[in-house]
Amino acid sequence: MKRNVGAGTFTFAIADDLNLSVDVSYGKVETTNITGALDATNTRVYADNAFILGNGLAAAQATYANGGPFALFNKDWTSQLDSRTEFTTEVKRAAIGLDGKFGDSS
């Protein structure tokens, strides 16, 4: 994580009974979260799967494996996928205010 934050306030007396204030702030945060990829556990692959239709051996294995019409597939994809999330947030803020007596009000 990388964080840059700053803030400042300025107050100025415009008159004896009237003040001007200015408030500014800035922030920028960058984060990167490294995560694990999804796994495939006991995923069924059937003999009519489009990726093995042209491969007779794979189709036969998918048909007769585990005594059913499918083969079970287990795979950890972590080594093949760069699983991460990256976020950048930037915030700018400025506020101007008047405080004091305006005419006959307070």
Protein backbone atom coordinates (compact mmCIF):
# COMPACT_ATOMS: atom_id res chain seq x y z
CA MET A 1 0.00 0.00 0.00
CA LYS A 2 1.18 3.49 -0.84
CA ARG A 3 -0.56 6.43 0.80
CA ASN A 4 -0.08 10.20 0.29
CA VAL A 5 -2.28 12.50 2.36
CA GLY A 6 -2.16 16.23 3.09
CA ALA A 7 -4.43 18.85 4.62
CA GLY A 8 -4.29 22.55 5.41
CA THR A 9 -6.45 25.29 6.90
CA PHE A 10 -6.19 29.03 6.43
CA THR A 11 -8.16 31.60 8.44
CA PHE A 12 -8.19 35.32 7.69
CA ALA A 13 -9.99 38.20 9.41
CA ILE A 14 -11.78 40.17 6.69
CA ALA A 15 -13.19 42.66 9.21
CA ASP A 16 -13.42 42.93 12.99
CA ASP A 17 -16.58 40.75 13.02
CA LEU A 18 -16.08 38.66 9.85
CA ASN A 19 -13.66 35.79 9.22
CA LEU A 20 -12.85 33.82 6.07
CA SER A 21 -11.67 30.22 6.34
CA VAL A 22 -10.29 27.94 3.63
CA ASP A 23 -9.80 24.23 4.18
CA VAL A 24 -8.09 21.99 1.60
CA SER A 25 -7.19 18.33 1.66
CA TYR A 26 -5.73 15.79 -0.73
CA GLY A 27 -5.35 12.04 -0.55
CA LYS A 28 -4.10 9.33 -2.88
CA VAL A 29 -3.97 5.65 -1.97
CA GLU A 30 -2.71 2.78 -4.13
CA THR A 31 -3.21 -0.83 -3.02
CA THR A 32 -2.37 -4.21 -4.49
CA ASN A 33 -3.89 -7.39 -3.04
CA ILE A 34 -2.27 -10.65 -4.12
CA THR A 35 -4.79 -13.49 -3.89
CA GLY A 36 -4.95 -17.17 -4.75
CA ALA A 37 -6.59 -18.29 -7.96
CA LEU A 38 -9.65 -20.50 -8.09
CA ASP A 39 -9.29 -24.24 -7.93
CA ALA A 40 -11.25 -26.88 -9.81
CA THR A 41 -12.10 -29.77 -7.48
CA ASN A 42 -14.03 -32.82 -8.69
CA THR A 43 -15.20 -30.98 -11.80
CA ARG A 44 -16.96 -33.37 -14.15
CA VAL A 45 -15.74 -33.69 -17.76
CA TYR A 46 -18.14 -35.58 -20.01
CA ALA A 47 -17.26 -37.48 -23.20
CA ASP A 48 -19.21 -34.98 -25.34
CA ASN A 49 -17.05 -32.07 -24.14
CA ALA A 50 -16.10 -29.95 -27.17
CA PHE A 51 -12.42 -29.92 -26.16
CA ILE A 52 -12.05 -33.71 -26.26
CA LEU A 53 -14.43 -34.69 -29.09
CA GLY A 54 -11.59 -35.24 -31.56
CA ASN A 55 -9.52 -37.23 -29.05
CA GLY A 56 -10.87 -40.80 -28.84
CA LEU A 57 -8.70 -41.79 -25.87
CA ALA A 58 -9.74 -38.79 -23.78
CA ALA A 59 -13.39 -39.37 -24.68
CA ALA A 60 -13.12 -43.04 -23.69
CA GLN A 61 -11.43 -42.14 -20.38
CA ALA A 62 -14.12 -39.55 -19.68
CA THR A 63 -16.82 -42.12 -20.42
CA TYR A 64 -15.52 -44.99 -18.29
CA ALA A 65 -13.59 -43.27 -15.48
CA ASN A 66 -15.02 -43.72 -11.99
CA GLY A 67 -17.71 -46.09 -13.32
CA GLY A 68 -19.74 -43.21 -14.77
CA PRO A 69 -20.17 -41.24 -17.97
CA PHE A 70 -17.64 -38.62 -16.87
CA ALA A 71 -14.10 -38.08 -15.61
CA LEU A 72 -13.25 -36.02 -12.52
CA PHE A 73 -10.92 -33.09 -13.02
CA ASN A 74 -8.86 -31.44 -10.25
CA LYS A 75 -6.67 -28.40 -10.94
CA ASP A 76 -4.99 -25.64 -8.93
CA TRP A 77 -4.78 -22.64 -11.30
CA THR A 78 -2.57 -20.47 -9.02
CA SER A 79 0.67 -21.05 -10.95
CA GLN A 80 -0.97 -20.08 -14.26
CA LEU A 81 -2.98 -17.02 -13.19
CA ASP A 82 -1.83 -13.70 -11.85
CA SER A 83 -4.66 -13.27 -9.39
CA ARG A 84 -4.59 -9.78 -7.91
CA THR A 85 -6.65 -6.65 -7.43
CA GLU A 86 -5.22 -3.16 -7.78
CA PHE A 87 -6.98 0.00 -6.68
CA THR A 88 -6.03 3.67 -6.96
CA THR A 89 -8.14 6.29 -5.19
CA GLU A 90 -7.52 10.03 -5.40
CA VAL A 91 -9.56 12.60 -3.46
CA LYS A 92 -9.35 16.41 -3.62
CA ARG A 93 -11.43 18.68 -1.38
CA ALA A 94 -11.67 22.42 -0.81
CA ALA A 95 -14.11 24.32 1.41
CA ILE A 96 -14.53 28.06 1.89
CA GLY A 97 -16.45 29.50 4.82
CA LEU A 98 -17.47 32.83 6.27
CA ASP A 99 -18.05 33.26 9.98
CA GLY A 100 -19.04 36.29 11.95
CA LYS A 101 -21.54 39.08 11.97
CA PHE A 102 -23.42 39.92 8.76
CA GLY A 103 -25.26 43.24 9.18
CA ASP A 104 -27.54 42.99 12.21
CA SER A 105 -27.26 39.14 12.42
CA SER A 106 -24.72 37.19 14.40
